[in-house]
Amino acid sequence: KYATGDWIAIRQKLRDCQKSVLSAPQHFPRED
């Protein structure tokens, strides 16, 4: 229960991070 209580919310944060990375300014190296 405690291990999975915020599991879904954390996984959603991963998707939010991916969206942020995809919209990163163009001066960031593409390989990074």
Full PDB file with SEQRES, HELIX, SHEET, SSBOND, CRYST1, ORIGX, SCALE, CONECT and MASTER records, all heavy atoms in Angstrom:
SEQRES   1 A   32  LYS TYR ALA THR GLY ASP TRP ILE ALA ILE ARG GLN LYS          
SEQRES   2 A   32  LEU ARG ASP CYS GLN LYS SER VAL LEU SER ALA PRO GLN          
SEQRES   3 A   32  HIS PHE PRO ARG GLU ASP                                      
HELIX    1 AA1 TRP A    7  LEU A   22  1                                  16    
CRYST1    1.000    1.000    1.000  90.00  90.00  90.00 P 1           1          
ORIGX1      1.000000  0.000000  0.000000        0.00000                         
ORIGX2      0.000000  1.000000  0.000000        0.00000                         
ORIGX3      0.000000  0.000000  1.000000        0.00000                         
SCALE1      1.000000  0.000000  0.000000        0.00000                         
SCALE2      0.000000  1.000000  0.000000        0.00000                         
SCALE3      0.000000  0.000000  1.000000        0.00000                         
ATOM      1  N   LYS A   1       0.828  -1.210   0.000  1.00  0.00           N  
ATOM      2  CA  LYS A   1       0.000   0.000   0.000  1.00  0.00           C  
ATOM      3  C   LYS A   1       0.862   1.258   0.000  1.00  0.00           C  
ATOM      4  O   LYS A   1       0.660   2.184  -0.794  1.00  0.00           O  
ATOM      5  CB  LYS A   1      -0.920  -0.009   1.216  1.00  0.00           C  
ATOM      6  CG  LYS A   1      -1.703   1.273   1.400  1.00  0.00           C  
ATOM      7  CD  LYS A   1      -2.429   1.302   2.736  1.00  0.00           C  
ATOM      8  CE  LYS A   1      -3.028   2.674   2.988  1.00  0.00           C  
ATOM      9  NZ  LYS A   1      -3.640   2.759   4.340  1.00  0.00           N  
ATOM     10  N   TYR A   2       1.854   1.291   0.902  1.00  0.00           N  
ATOM     11  CA  TYR A   2       2.694   2.479   0.992  1.00  0.00           C  
ATOM     12  C   TYR A   2       3.615   2.622  -0.216  1.00  0.00           C  
ATOM     13  O   TYR A   2       3.911   3.730  -0.653  1.00  0.00           O  
ATOM     14  CB  TYR A   2       3.510   2.447   2.284  1.00  0.00           C  
ATOM     15  CG  TYR A   2       2.673   2.706   3.514  1.00  0.00           C  
ATOM     16  CD1 TYR A   2       2.516   1.728   4.492  1.00  0.00           C  
ATOM     17  CD2 TYR A   2       2.009   3.914   3.687  1.00  0.00           C  
ATOM     18  CE1 TYR A   2       1.724   1.954   5.611  1.00  0.00           C  
ATOM     19  CE2 TYR A   2       1.217   4.147   4.802  1.00  0.00           C  
ATOM     20  CZ  TYR A   2       1.087   3.168   5.757  1.00  0.00           C  
ATOM     21  OH  TYR A   2       0.303   3.394   6.858  1.00  0.00           O  
ATOM     22  N   ALA A   3       4.051   1.474  -0.757  1.00  0.00           N  
ATOM     23  CA  ALA A   3       4.952   1.518  -1.916  1.00  0.00           C  
ATOM     24  C   ALA A   3       4.250   1.985  -3.179  1.00  0.00           C  
ATOM     25  O   ALA A   3       4.869   2.576  -4.066  1.00  0.00           O  
ATOM     26  CB  ALA A   3       5.569   0.138  -2.144  1.00  0.00           C  
ATOM     27  N   THR A   4       2.946   1.712  -3.274  1.00  0.00           N  
ATOM     28  CA  THR A   4       2.221   2.038  -4.505  1.00  0.00           C  
ATOM     29  C   THR A   4       1.267   3.219  -4.348  1.00  0.00           C  
ATOM     30  O   THR A   4       0.605   3.605  -5.301  1.00  0.00           O  
ATOM     31  CB  THR A   4       1.397   0.827  -4.989  1.00  0.00           C  
ATOM     32  OG1 THR A   4       0.414   0.495  -3.994  1.00  0.00           O  
ATOM     33  CG2 THR A   4       2.294  -0.380  -5.224  1.00  0.00           C  
ATOM     34  N   GLY A   5       1.214   3.788  -3.141  1.00  0.00           N  
ATOM     35  CA  GLY A   5       0.253   4.865  -2.891  1.00  0.00           C  
ATOM     36  C   GLY A   5       0.385   6.041  -3.828  1.00  0.00           C  
ATOM     37  O   GLY A   5      -0.610   6.629  -4.262  1.00  0.00           O  
ATOM     38  N   ASP A   6       1.637   6.400  -4.139  1.00  0.00           N  
ATOM     39  CA  ASP A   6       1.855   7.528  -5.051  1.00  0.00           C  
ATOM     40  C   ASP A   6       2.528   7.088  -6.348  1.00  0.00           C  
ATOM     41  O   ASP A   6       3.075   7.899  -7.080  1.00  0.00           O  
ATOM     42  CB  ASP A   6       2.697   8.610  -4.373  1.00  0.00           C  
ATOM     43  CG  ASP A   6       4.029   8.078  -3.863  1.00  0.00           C  
ATOM     44  OD1 ASP A   6       4.287   6.862  -4.030  1.00  0.00           O  
ATOM     45  OD2 ASP A   6       4.806   8.864  -3.301  1.00  0.00           O  
ATOM     46  N   TRP A   7       2.449   5.786  -6.617  1.00  0.00           N  
ATOM     47  CA  TRP A   7       3.125   5.228  -7.792  1.00  0.00           C  
ATOM     48  C   TRP A   7       2.578   5.826  -9.087  1.00  0.00           C  
ATOM     49  O   TRP A   7       3.349   6.234  -9.966  1.00  0.00           O  
ATOM     50  CB  TRP A   7       2.952   3.705  -7.778  1.00  0.00           C  
ATOM     51  CG  TRP A   7       3.570   2.968  -8.921  1.00  0.00           C  
ATOM     52  CD1 TRP A   7       4.876   2.974  -9.286  1.00  0.00           C  
ATOM     53  CD2 TRP A   7       2.900   2.105  -9.840  1.00  0.00           C  
ATOM     54  NE1 TRP A   7       5.073   2.156 -10.372  1.00  0.00           N  
ATOM     55  CE2 TRP A   7       3.878   1.612 -10.737  1.00  0.00           C  
ATOM     56  CE3 TRP A   7       1.576   1.687  -9.981  1.00  0.00           C  
ATOM     57  CZ2 TRP A   7       3.555   0.737 -11.762  1.00  0.00           C  
ATOM     58  CZ3 TRP A   7       1.270   0.806 -11.000  1.00  0.00           C  
ATOM     59  CH2 TRP A   7       2.250   0.343 -11.876  1.00  0.00           C  
ATOM     60  N   ILE A   8       1.256   5.882  -9.228  1.00  0.00           N  
ATOM     61  CA  ILE A   8       0.649   6.410 -10.451  1.00  0.00           C  
ATOM     62  C   ILE A   8       1.006   7.888 -10.635  1.00  0.00           C  
ATOM     63  O   ILE A   8       1.326   8.336 -11.745  1.00  0.00           O  
ATOM     64  CB  ILE A   8      -0.882   6.238 -10.418  1.00  0.00           C  
ATOM     65  CG1 ILE A   8      -1.251   4.744 -10.312  1.00  0.00           C  
ATOM     66  CG2 ILE A   8      -1.514   6.850 -11.652  1.00  0.00           C  
ATOM     67  CD1 ILE A   8      -0.765   3.912 -11.468  1.00  0.00           C  
ATOM     68  N   ALA A   9       0.963   8.625  -9.531  1.00  0.00           N  
ATOM     69  CA  ALA A   9       1.285  10.058  -9.610  1.00  0.00           C  
ATOM     70  C   ALA A   9       2.735  10.272 -10.031  1.00  0.00           C  
ATOM     71  O   ALA A   9       3.040  11.173 -10.824  1.00  0.00           O  
ATOM     72  CB  ALA A   9       1.024  10.724  -8.262  1.00  0.00           C  
ATOM     73  N   ILE A  10       3.622   9.429  -9.514  1.00  0.00           N  
ATOM     74  CA  ILE A  10       5.037   9.547  -9.872  1.00  0.00           C  
ATOM     75  C   ILE A  10       5.249   9.207 -11.342  1.00  0.00           C  
ATOM     76  O   ILE A  10       6.012   9.876 -12.061  1.00  0.00           O  
ATOM     77  CB  ILE A  10       5.888   8.635  -8.969  1.00  0.00           C  
ATOM     78  CG1 ILE A  10       5.905   9.192  -7.538  1.00  0.00           C  
ATOM     79  CG2 ILE A  10       7.313   8.520  -9.504  1.00  0.00           C  
ATOM     80  CD1 ILE A  10       6.622   8.326  -6.547  1.00  0.00           C  
ATOM     81  N   ARG A  11       4.569   8.179 -11.830  1.00  0.00           N  
ATOM     82  CA  ARG A  11       4.700   7.820 -13.246  1.00  0.00           C  
ATOM     83  C   ARG A  11       4.178   8.939 -14.143  1.00  0.00           C  
ATOM     84  O   ARG A  11       4.734   9.195 -15.219  1.00  0.00           O  
ATOM     85  CB  ARG A  11       3.956   6.504 -13.523  1.00  0.00           C  
ATOM     86  CG  ARG A  11       4.728   5.293 -13.022  1.00  0.00           C  
ATOM     87  CD  ARG A  11       3.909   4.019 -13.085  1.00  0.00           C  
ATOM     88  NE  ARG A  11       3.547   3.634 -14.433  1.00  0.00           N  
ATOM     89  CZ  ARG A  11       4.339   2.944 -15.254  1.00  0.00           C  
ATOM     90  NH1 ARG A  11       5.551   2.599 -14.865  1.00  0.00           N  
ATOM     91  NH2 ARG A  11       3.919   2.599 -16.452  1.00  0.00           N  
ATOM     92  N   GLN A  12       3.131   9.616 -13.700  1.00  0.00           N  
ATOM     93  CA  GLN A  12       2.639  10.756 -14.471  1.00  0.00           C  
ATOM     94  C   GLN A  12       3.678  11.872 -14.511  1.00  0.00           C  
ATOM     95  O   GLN A  12       3.826  12.563 -15.522  1.00  0.00           O  
ATOM     96  CB  GLN A  12       1.327  11.280 -13.869  1.00  0.00           C  
ATOM     97  CG  GLN A  12       0.697  12.422 -14.649  1.00  0.00           C  
ATOM     98  CD  GLN A  12       0.435  12.065 -16.100  1.00  0.00           C  
ATOM     99  OE1 GLN A  12      -0.159  11.024 -16.386  1.00  0.00           O  
ATOM    100  NE2 GLN A  12       0.863  12.917 -17.038  1.00  0.00           N  
ATOM    101  N   LYS A  13       4.402  12.037 -13.410  1.00  0.00           N  
ATOM    102  CA  LYS A  13       5.469  13.040 -13.376  1.00  0.00           C  
ATOM    103  C   LYS A  13       6.542  12.727 -14.415  1.00  0.00           C  
ATOM    104  O   LYS A  13       7.127  13.643 -15.017  1.00  0.00           O  
ATOM    105  CB  LYS A  13       6.092  13.095 -11.976  1.00  0.00           C  
ATOM    106  CG  LYS A  13       5.210  13.720 -10.906  1.00  0.00           C  
ATOM    107  CD  LYS A  13       5.037  15.216 -11.128  1.00  0.00           C  
ATOM    108  CE  LYS A  13       4.243  15.855 -10.003  1.00  0.00           C  
ATOM    109  NZ  LYS A  13       4.043  17.314 -10.235  1.00  0.00           N  
ATOM    110  N   LEU A  14       6.789  11.444 -14.634  1.00  0.00           N  
ATOM    111  CA  LEU A  14       7.768  11.064 -15.657  1.00  0.00           C  
ATOM    112  C   LEU A  14       7.310  11.527 -17.038  1.00  0.00           C  
ATOM    113  O   LEU A  14       8.109  12.036 -17.834  1.00  0.00           O  
ATOM    114  CB  LEU A  14       7.965   9.547 -15.653  1.00  0.00           C  
ATOM    115  CG  LEU A  14       8.719   8.945 -14.472  1.00  0.00           C  
ATOM    116  CD1 LEU A  14       8.715   7.420 -14.570  1.00  0.00           C  
ATOM    117  CD2 LEU A  14      10.148   9.469 -14.424  1.00  0.00           C  
ATOM    118  N   ARG A  15       6.020  11.337 -17.332  1.00  0.00           N  
ATOM    119  CA  ARG A  15       5.487  11.788 -18.621  1.00  0.00           C  
ATOM    120  C   ARG A  15       5.557  13.315 -18.729  1.00  0.00           C  
ATOM    121  O   ARG A  15       5.863  13.860 -19.796  1.00  0.00           O  
ATOM    122  CB  ARG A  15       4.044  11.309 -18.781  1.00  0.00           C  
ATOM    123  CG  ARG A  15       3.902   9.809 -19.011  1.00  0.00           C  
ATOM    124  CD  ARG A  15       4.687   9.384 -20.225  1.00  0.00           C  
ATOM    125  NE  ARG A  15       4.437   8.004 -20.625  1.00  0.00           N  
ATOM    126  CZ  ARG A  15       5.358   7.192 -21.114  1.00  0.00           C  
ATOM    127  NH1 ARG A  15       6.617   7.622 -21.222  1.00  0.00           N  
ATOM    128  NH2 ARG A  15       5.054   5.968 -21.478  1.00  0.00           N  
ATOM    129  N   ASP A  16       5.288  14.001 -17.629  1.00  0.00           N  
ATOM    130  CA  ASP A  16       5.388  15.465 -17.631  1.00  0.00           C  
ATOM    131  C   ASP A  16       6.816  15.897 -17.896  1.00  0.00           C  
ATOM    132  O   ASP A  16       7.062  16.877 -18.633  1.00  0.00           O  
ATOM    133  CB  ASP A  16       4.910  16.031 -16.284  1.00  0.00           C  
ATOM    134  CG  ASP A  16       3.428  15.798 -16.045  1.00  0.00           C  
ATOM    135  OD1 ASP A  16       2.699  15.530 -17.021  1.00  0.00           O  
ATOM    136  OD2 ASP A  16       3.001  15.879 -14.875  1.00  0.00           O  
ATOM    137  N   CYS A  17       7.779  15.173 -17.314  1.00  0.00           N  
ATOM    138  CA  CYS A  17       9.196  15.497 -17.543  1.00  0.00           C  
ATOM    139  C   CYS A  17       9.577  15.291 -19.005  1.00  0.00           C  
ATOM    140  O   CYS A  17      10.328  16.086 -19.588  1.00  0.00           O  
ATOM    141  CB  CYS A  17      10.083  14.642 -16.650  1.00  0.00           C  
ATOM    142  SG  CYS A  17      10.059  15.108 -14.916  1.00  0.00           S  
ATOM    143  N   GLN A  18       9.043  14.222 -19.605  1.00  0.00           N  
ATOM    144  CA  GLN A  18       9.338  13.972 -21.017  1.00  0.00           C  
ATOM    145  C   GLN A  18       8.843  15.118 -21.893  1.00  0.00           C  
ATOM    146  O   GLN A  18       9.531  15.543 -22.827  1.00  0.00           O  
ATOM    147  CB  GLN A  18       8.701  12.650 -21.454  1.00  0.00           C  
ATOM    148  CG  GLN A  18       9.417  11.423 -20.934  1.00  0.00           C  
ATOM    149  CD  GLN A  18       8.770  10.135 -21.377  1.00  0.00           C  
ATOM    150  OE1 GLN A  18       7.542  10.025 -21.357  1.00  0.00           O  
ATOM    151  NE2 GLN A  18       9.566   9.163 -21.769  1.00  0.00           N  
ATOM    152  N   LYS A  19       7.652  15.608 -21.592  1.00  0.00           N  
ATOM    153  CA  LYS A  19       7.115  16.736 -22.357  1.00  0.00           C  
ATOM    154  C   LYS A  19       7.990  17.971 -22.192  1.00  0.00           C  
ATOM    155  O   LYS A  19       8.233  18.714 -23.159  1.00  0.00           O  
ATOM    156  CB  LYS A  19       5.686  17.033 -21.906  1.00  0.00           C  
ATOM    157  CG  LYS A  19       4.683  15.947 -22.255  1.00  0.00           C  
ATOM    158  CD  LYS A  19       3.291  16.291 -21.726  1.00  0.00           C  
ATOM    159  CE  LYS A  19       2.298  15.186 -22.042  1.00  0.00           C  
ATOM    160  NZ  LYS A  19       0.945  15.494 -21.487  1.00  0.00           N  
ATOM    161  N   SER A  20       8.483  18.184 -20.975  1.00  0.00           N  
ATOM    162  CA  SER A  20       9.353  19.343 -20.731  1.00  0.00           C  
ATOM    163  C   SER A  20      10.664  19.214 -21.488  1.00  0.00           C  
ATOM    164  O   SER A  20      11.157  20.189 -22.071  1.00  0.00           O  
ATOM    165  CB  SER A  20       9.631  19.472 -19.220  1.00  0.00           C  
ATOM    166  OG  SER A  20       8.450  19.725 -18.495  1.00  0.00           O  
ATOM    167  N   VAL A  21      11.210  17.983 -21.489  1.00  0.00           N  
ATOM    168  CA  VAL A  21      12.475  17.764 -22.201  1.00  0.00           C  
ATOM    169  C   VAL A  21      12.287  17.967 -23.696  1.00  0.00           C  
ATOM    170  O   VAL A  21      13.141  18.565 -24.383  1.00  0.00           O  
ATOM    171  CB  VAL A  21      13.019  16.354 -21.898  1.00  0.00           C  
ATOM    172  CG1 VAL A  21      14.208  16.028 -22.803  1.00  0.00           C  
ATOM    173  CG2 VAL A  21      13.421  16.238 -20.433  1.00  0.00           C  
ATOM    174  N   LEU A  22      11.172  17.491 -24.231  1.00  0.00           N  
ATOM    175  CA  LEU A  22      10.909  17.645 -25.666  1.00  0.00           C  
ATOM    176  C   LEU A  22      10.767  19.101 -26.075  1.00  0.00           C  
ATOM    177  O   LEU A  22      11.045  19.468 -27.230  1.00  0.00           O  
ATOM    178  CB  LEU A  22       9.637  16.872 -26.040  1.00  0.00           C  
ATOM    179  CG  LEU A  22       9.771  15.344 -26.111  1.00  0.00           C  
ATOM    180  CD1 LEU A  22       8.395  14.699 -26.244  1.00  0.00           C  
ATOM    181  CD2 LEU A  22      10.665  14.955 -27.294  1.00  0.00           C  
ATOM    182  N   SER A  23      10.340  19.933 -25.143  1.00  0.00           N  
ATOM    183  CA  SER A  23      10.170  21.358 -25.459  1.00  0.00           C  
ATOM    184  C   SER A  23      11.349  22.204 -24.999  1.00  0.00           C  
ATOM    185  O   SER A  23      11.242  23.424 -24.885  1.00  0.00           O  
ATOM    186  CB  SER A  23       8.876  21.875 -24.809  1.00  0.00           C  
ATOM    187  OG  SER A  23       8.933  21.732 -23.395  1.00  0.00           O  
ATOM    188  N   ALA A  24      12.475  21.542 -24.727  1.00  0.00           N  
ATOM    189  CA  ALA A  24      13.666  22.268 -24.280  1.00  0.00           C  
ATOM    190  C   ALA A  24      14.156  23.208 -25.390  1.00  0.00           C  
ATOM    191  O   ALA A  24      13.981  22.931 -26.584  1.00  0.00           O  
ATOM    192  CB  ALA A  24      14.758  21.283 -23.904  1.00  0.00           C  
ATOM    193  N   PRO A  25      14.751  24.339 -25.020  1.00  0.00           N  
ATOM    194  CA  PRO A  25      15.279  25.291 -26.024  1.00  0.00           C  
ATOM    195  C   PRO A  25      16.240  24.610 -26.993  1.00  0.00           C  
ATOM    196  O   PRO A  25      16.927  23.641 -26.640  1.00  0.00           O  
ATOM    197  CB  PRO A  25      16.005  26.330 -25.163  1.00  0.00           C  
ATOM    198  CG  PRO A  25      15.304  26.277 -23.838  1.00  0.00           C  
ATOM    199  CD  PRO A  25      14.932  24.831 -23.648  1.00  0.00           C  
ATOM    200  N   GLN A  26      16.286  25.107 -28.203  1.00  0.00           N  
ATOM    201  CA  GLN A  26      17.055  24.456 -29.262  1.00  0.00           C  
ATOM    202  C   GLN A  26      18.567  24.490 -29.042  1.00  0.00           C  
ATOM    203  O   GLN A  26      19.296  23.718 -29.671  1.00  0.00           O  
ATOM    204  CB  GLN A  26      16.725  25.107 -30.608  1.00  0.00           C  
ATOM    205  CG  GLN A  26      15.293  24.851 -31.057  1.00  0.00           C  
ATOM    206  CD  GLN A  26      15.039  25.390 -32.451  1.00  0.00           C  
ATOM    207  OE1 GLN A  26      15.898  26.054 -33.043  1.00  0.00           O  
ATOM    208  NE2 GLN A  26      13.853  25.107 -32.982  1.00  0.00           N  
ATOM    209  N   HIS A  27      19.034  25.357 -28.138  1.00  0.00           N  
ATOM    210  CA  HIS A  27      20.488  25.416 -27.948  1.00  0.00           C  
ATOM    211  C   HIS A  27      21.026  24.228 -27.150  1.00  0.00           C  
ATOM    212  O   HIS A  27      22.233  24.014 -27.084  1.00  0.00           O  
ATOM    213  CB  HIS A  27      20.895  26.738 -27.255  1.00  0.00           C  
ATOM    214  CG  HIS A  27      20.391  26.875 -25.852  1.00  0.00           C  
ATOM    215  ND1 HIS A  27      19.206  27.516 -25.560  1.00  0.00           N  
ATOM    216  CD2 HIS A  27      20.915  26.464 -24.667  1.00  0.00           C  
ATOM    217  CE1 HIS A  27      19.018  27.494 -24.244  1.00  0.00           C  
ATOM    218  NE2 HIS A  27      20.039  26.872 -23.686  1.00  0.00           N  
ATOM    219  N   PHE A  28      20.102  23.407 -26.567  1.00  0.00           N  
ATOM    220  CA  PHE A  28      20.554  22.186 -25.888  1.00  0.00           C  
ATOM    221  C   PHE A  28      20.918  21.135 -26.938  1.00  0.00           C  
ATOM    222  O   PHE A  28      20.158  20.917 -27.898  1.00  0.00           O  
ATOM    223  CB  PHE A  28      19.456  21.639 -24.980  1.00  0.00           C  
ATOM    224  CG  PHE A  28      19.300  22.386 -23.679  1.00  0.00           C  
ATOM    225  CD1 PHE A  28      18.373  23.412 -23.564  1.00  0.00           C  
ATOM    226  CD2 PHE A  28      20.101  22.077 -22.585  1.00  0.00           C  
ATOM    227  CE1 PHE A  28      18.231  24.101 -22.376  1.00  0.00           C  
ATOM    228  CE2 PHE A  28      19.961  22.762 -21.393  1.00  0.00           C  
ATOM    229  CZ  PHE A  28      19.031  23.787 -21.282  1.00  0.00           C  
ATOM    230  N   PRO A  29      22.077  20.471 -26.788  1.00  0.00           N  
ATOM    231  CA  PRO A  29      22.489  19.461 -27.774  1.00  0.00           C  
ATOM    232  C   PRO A  29      21.436  18.362 -27.928  1.00  0.00           C  
ATOM    233  O   PRO A  29      20.901  17.861 -26.933  1.00  0.00           O  
ATOM    234  CB  PRO A  29      23.785  18.896 -27.183  1.00  0.00           C  
ATOM    235  CG  PRO A  29      24.298  19.975 -26.285  1.00  0.00           C  
ATOM    236  CD  PRO A  29      23.072  20.639 -25.715  1.00  0.00           C  
ATOM    237  N   ARG A  30      21.159  18.001 -29.166  1.00  0.00           N  
ATOM    238  CA  ARG A  30      20.125  16.994 -29.425  1.00  0.00           C  
ATOM    239  C   ARG A  30      20.471  15.641 -28.818  1.00  0.00           C  
ATOM    240  O   ARG A  30      19.592  14.929 -28.327  1.00  0.00           O  
ATOM    241  CB  ARG A  30      19.937  16.845 -30.955  1.00  0.00           C  
ATOM    242  CG  ARG A  30      18.738  15.975 -31.317  1.00  0.00           C  
ATOM    243  CD  ARG A  30      17.455  16.588 -30.784  1.00  0.00           C  
ATOM    244  NE  ARG A  30      16.362  15.610 -30.722  1.00  0.00           N  
ATOM    245  CZ  ARG A  30      15.168  15.868 -30.202  1.00  0.00           C  
ATOM    246  NH1 ARG A  30      14.924  17.054 -29.679  1.00  0.00           N  
ATOM    247  NH2 ARG A  30      14.238  14.927 -30.175  1.00  0.00           N  
ATOM    248  N   GLU A  31      21.791  15.292 -28.819  1.00  0.00           N  
ATOM    249  CA  GLU A  31      22.171  14.001 -28.257  1.00  0.00           C  
ATOM    250  C   GLU A  31      21.902  13.943 -26.745  1.00  0.00           C  
ATOM    251  O   GLU A  31      21.565  12.900 -26.205  1.00  0.00           O  
ATOM    252  CB  GLU A  31      23.647  13.694 -28.537  1.00  0.00           C  
ATOM    253  CG  GLU A  31      24.641  14.735 -28.038  1.00  0.00           C  
ATOM    254  CD  GLU A  31      24.898  15.825 -29.060  1.00  0.00           C  
ATOM    255  OE1 GLU A  31      24.064  15.993 -29.983  1.00  0.00           O  
ATOM    256  OE2 GLU A  31      25.954  16.484 -28.955  1.00  0.00           O  
ATOM    257  N   ASP A  32      22.016  15.088 -26.084  1.00  0.00           N  
ATOM    258  CA  ASP A  32      21.694  15.128 -24.651  1.00  0.00           C  
ATOM    259  C   ASP A  32      20.188  14.928 -24.436  1.00  0.00           C  
ATOM    260  O   ASP A  32      19.766  14.207 -23.517  1.00  0.00           O  
ATOM    261  CB  ASP A  32      22.122  16.469 -24.041  1.00  0.00           C  
ATOM    262  CG  ASP A  32      23.636  16.599 -23.930  1.00  0.00           C  
ATOM    263  OD1 ASP A  32      24.333  15.588 -24.145  1.00  0.00           O  
ATOM    264  OD2 ASP A  32      24.110  17.709 -23.629  1.00  0.00           O  
TER     265      ASP A  32                                                      
MASTER        0    0    0    1    0    0    0    6  264    1    0    3          
END                                                                             
